[in-house]
N, C-alpha and C. Protein backbone atom coordinates (compact mmCIF):
# COMPACT_ATOMS: atom_id res chain seq x y z
N MET A 1 0.95 20.72 12.27
CA MET A 1 1.45 20.91 11.00
C MET A 1 3.08 20.73 10.77
N ALA A 2 4.05 20.72 11.16
CA ALA A 2 5.04 20.89 11.22
C ALA A 2 5.55 19.31 11.48
N LYS A 3 5.46 18.53 12.45
CA LYS A 3 5.66 17.39 12.60
C LYS A 3 4.92 16.52 10.94
N ASN A 4 3.95 16.78 10.80
CA ASN A 4 2.86 16.28 9.05
C ASN A 4 4.22 16.26 8.23
N LYS A 5 4.96 17.35 7.76
CA LYS A 5 5.51 17.67 7.08
C LYS A 5 6.90 17.29 7.13
N GLU A 6 7.28 17.19 8.81
CA GLU A 6 8.76 16.34 8.68
C GLU A 6 8.15 15.38 8.33
N ASN A 7 7.47 14.44 8.39
CA ASN A 7 6.90 12.82 8.28
C ASN A 7 6.71 12.76 6.33
N ASN A 8 6.20 13.39 5.89
CA ASN A 8 6.14 13.60 4.02
C ASN A 8 7.16 13.72 4.09
N LEU A 9 7.76 14.78 4.11
CA LEU A 9 9.70 14.28 3.92
C LEU A 9 10.80 13.45 4.58
N GLN A 10 10.34 12.56 5.51
CA GLN A 10 10.72 11.54 5.64
C GLN A 10 10.42 10.14 4.68
N LEU A 11 9.13 10.18 4.60
CA LEU A 11 8.86 9.62 3.76
C LEU A 11 8.84 9.24 2.28
N ARG A 12 9.51 10.97 2.10
CA ARG A 12 9.92 10.85 0.04
C ARG A 12 10.70 10.56 0.51
N GLN A 13 11.98 11.08 1.38
CA GLN A 13 13.55 10.50 1.64
C GLN A 13 13.56 8.33 1.45
N LEU A 14 12.46 8.39 1.96
CA LEU A 14 13.03 6.31 2.22
C LEU A 14 12.73 6.14 0.93
N LEU A 15 11.29 6.71 0.42
CA LEU A 15 11.27 6.23 -1.13
C LEU A 15 12.09 6.11 -2.91
N ARG A 16 12.90 7.53 -2.51
CA ARG A 16 13.90 8.01 -3.25
C ARG A 16 14.74 6.91 -2.83
N LYS A 17 15.26 6.43 -1.54
CA LYS A 17 16.31 5.73 -1.18
C LYS A 17 16.09 4.44 -1.60
N SER A 18 14.95 4.04 -2.26
CA SER A 18 14.73 2.48 -2.47
C SER A 18 14.57 2.46 -3.74
N GLY A 19 14.71 3.69 -4.79
CA GLY A 19 15.26 3.84 -6.14
C GLY A 19 13.41 4.68 -6.73
N SER A 20 12.16 4.74 -5.76
CA SER A 20 10.80 4.89 -6.25
C SER A 20 11.62 6.65 -6.84
N LYS A 21 10.23 7.18 -7.87
CA LYS A 21 10.14 8.46 -7.45
C LYS A 21 9.23 9.29 -5.92
N ALA A 22 9.03 9.94 -5.78
CA ALA A 22 8.26 10.41 -4.22
C ALA A 22 6.72 10.78 -4.64
N THR A 23 6.27 10.01 -5.85
CA THR A 23 5.37 10.80 -6.09
C THR A 23 3.92 10.67 -4.49
N ALA A 24 2.86 11.88 -4.77
CA ALA A 24 1.96 11.98 -3.96
C ALA A 24 1.15 10.56 -3.60
N SER A 25 1.10 10.23 -3.79
CA SER A 25 0.38 8.77 -4.26
C SER A 25 1.21 8.41 -3.50
N ARG A 26 2.12 7.48 -4.25
CA ARG A 26 3.20 6.75 -2.88
C ARG A 26 3.17 7.23 -1.94
N VAL A 27 3.09 8.58 -1.56
CA VAL A 27 3.52 8.85 -0.19
C VAL A 27 2.50 8.84 0.49
N LEU A 28 0.97 8.78 -0.21
CA LEU A 28 -0.57 8.43 0.17
C LEU A 28 -0.36 7.05 0.97
N VAL A 29 0.13 6.61 0.16
CA VAL A 29 0.30 4.60 0.55
C VAL A 29 0.91 4.72 1.79
N LEU A 30 2.63 5.29 2.45
CA LEU A 30 3.29 4.61 3.29
C LEU A 30 3.04 5.05 4.28
N HIS A 31 1.60 7.02 4.22
CA HIS A 31 1.56 7.56 5.01
C HIS A 31 0.39 6.60 5.93
N THR A 32 -0.47 5.96 4.93
CA THR A 32 -1.91 5.49 5.53
C THR A 32 -0.99 4.18 6.28
N LEU A 33 0.14 3.24 5.71
CA LEU A 33 0.56 2.09 6.05
C LEU A 33 0.98 2.41 7.61
N GLU A 34 1.63 3.12 7.59
CA GLU A 34 2.60 4.27 8.75
C GLU A 34 1.73 4.55 9.70
N LYS A 35 0.36 4.56 9.82
CA LYS A 35 -0.42 5.27 10.66
C LYS A 35 -1.01 3.89 11.61
N ASN A 36 -0.98 3.38 10.14
CA ASN A 36 -1.71 1.65 11.60
C ASN A 36 -0.62 1.07 12.39
N LYS A 37 -1.70 0.45 13.58
CA LYS A 37 -0.34 0.08 14.70
C LYS A 37 -0.23 -1.92 14.69
N THR A 38 -0.74 -1.99 13.18
CA THR A 38 -0.66 -3.51 13.30
C THR A 38 -0.96 -3.80 11.65
N PRO A 39 -0.44 -5.42 11.29
CA PRO A 39 -0.69 -4.73 9.36
C PRO A 39 -1.72 -5.00 8.69
N VAL A 40 -2.35 -4.34 7.18
CA VAL A 40 -2.83 -3.89 7.27
C VAL A 40 -3.24 -4.53 5.45
N SER A 41 -3.87 -5.42 5.09
CA SER A 41 -3.97 -5.99 3.94
C SER A 41 -4.28 -4.82 3.11
N ALA A 42 -3.85 -5.44 1.58
CA ALA A 42 -3.91 -4.94 0.78
C ALA A 42 -5.52 -3.67 0.34
N GLN A 43 -6.37 -5.42 0.54
CA GLN A 43 -8.31 -5.04 0.91
C GLN A 43 -8.61 -3.67 1.81
N ALA A 44 -8.02 -3.88 2.47
CA ALA A 44 -8.33 -2.90 3.43
C ALA A 44 -8.17 -1.73 3.34
N LEU A 45 -6.00 -1.59 2.62
CA LEU A 45 -5.66 -0.28 2.48
C LEU A 45 -6.42 0.56 1.05
N ASN A 46 -6.69 -1.05 -0.13
CA ASN A 46 -7.95 0.42 -1.00
C ASN A 46 -8.54 0.75 -0.25
N ASP A 47 -10.10 -0.02 0.90
CA ASP A 47 -10.83 0.37 1.23
C ASP A 47 -10.19 1.98 1.85
N ALA A 48 -9.11 2.22 2.36
CA ALA A 48 -9.06 3.32 3.42
C ALA A 48 -8.53 4.57 2.35
N LEU A 49 -8.39 3.93 1.15
CA LEU A 49 -7.93 5.63 0.26
C LEU A 49 -8.99 5.37 -1.24
N ALA A 50 -9.50 4.44 -0.53
CA ALA A 50 -10.96 4.74 -1.59
C ALA A 50 -11.65 6.14 -1.97
N GLY A 51 -11.56 6.73 -2.77
CA GLY A 51 -12.37 7.61 -3.40
C GLY A 51 -11.13 8.91 -3.50
N THR A 52 -9.65 8.10 -3.40
CA THR A 52 -8.71 9.29 -3.67
C THR A 52 -7.89 8.66 -4.89
N MET A 53 -7.52 7.27 -4.63
CA MET A 53 -7.49 6.77 -6.04
C MET A 53 -7.77 5.62 -6.08
N ASP A 54 -7.64 4.78 -7.47
CA ASP A 54 -7.85 3.71 -7.88
C ASP A 54 -7.16 2.41 -7.36
N GLN A 55 -8.57 1.24 -7.79
CA GLN A 55 -7.68 0.43 -6.42
C GLN A 55 -6.22 -0.16 -7.80
N ALA A 56 -6.51 -0.27 -8.30
CA ALA A 56 -5.03 -0.01 -9.74
C ALA A 56 -3.99 0.64 -9.39
N THR A 57 -4.24 2.46 -8.83
CA THR A 57 -3.40 2.51 -8.37
C THR A 57 -2.40 1.86 -6.69
N VAL A 58 -3.43 1.60 -6.44
CA VAL A 58 -2.80 1.28 -5.01
C VAL A 58 -1.65 -0.10 -5.44
N ASN A 59 -2.38 -1.07 -6.14
CA ASN A 59 -1.76 -2.36 -5.82
C ASN A 59 -0.24 -2.07 -7.19
N ARG A 60 -0.66 -1.55 -8.24
CA ARG A 60 1.05 -0.87 -8.47
C ARG A 60 1.73 -0.77 -7.37
N ILE A 61 1.54 0.11 -6.82
CA ILE A 61 2.26 1.29 -6.11
C ILE A 61 2.30 -0.40 -4.85
N LEU A 62 1.57 -0.98 -4.49
CA LEU A 62 2.17 -1.92 -3.59
C LEU A 62 3.61 -3.10 -4.15
N LYS A 63 3.21 -3.49 -5.01
CA LYS A 63 3.61 -4.12 -6.33
C LYS A 63 5.31 -3.83 -6.31
N THR A 64 5.51 -2.24 -6.50
CA THR A 64 6.84 -2.00 -7.06
C THR A 64 7.44 -1.59 -5.61
N GLN A 65 7.17 -1.48 -4.35
CA GLN A 65 7.33 -1.14 -3.09
C GLN A 65 8.41 -2.65 -3.04
N LYS A 66 7.40 -3.60 -2.79
CA LYS A 66 7.01 -4.99 -2.82
C LYS A 66 8.72 -5.41 -3.16
N GLN A 67 8.64 -4.60 -4.37
CA GLN A 67 10.18 -5.44 -5.44
C GLN A 67 11.40 -4.56 -5.04
N LYS A 68 11.17 -3.82 -4.53
CA LYS A 68 11.94 -2.55 -4.22
C LYS A 68 12.99 -3.18 -2.99
N GLY A 69 11.91 -3.45 -2.07
CA GLY A 69 12.62 -3.46 -0.97
C GLY A 69 12.09 -2.78 0.18
């Protein structure tokens, strides 16, 4: 459990460093991307997060993070 909290803290710091707000949705998207060992398509990410957030939210987060680097 402590490892999970530490990971969330690191993801939040990464988001803030890029100039983004560290929202729960953004942290969840990054966590989902991070736990995959191979590149993930936007569609696969949307499928993995279905029921948690809608496709528009995932796509908006991806677009924002791409712009911010």
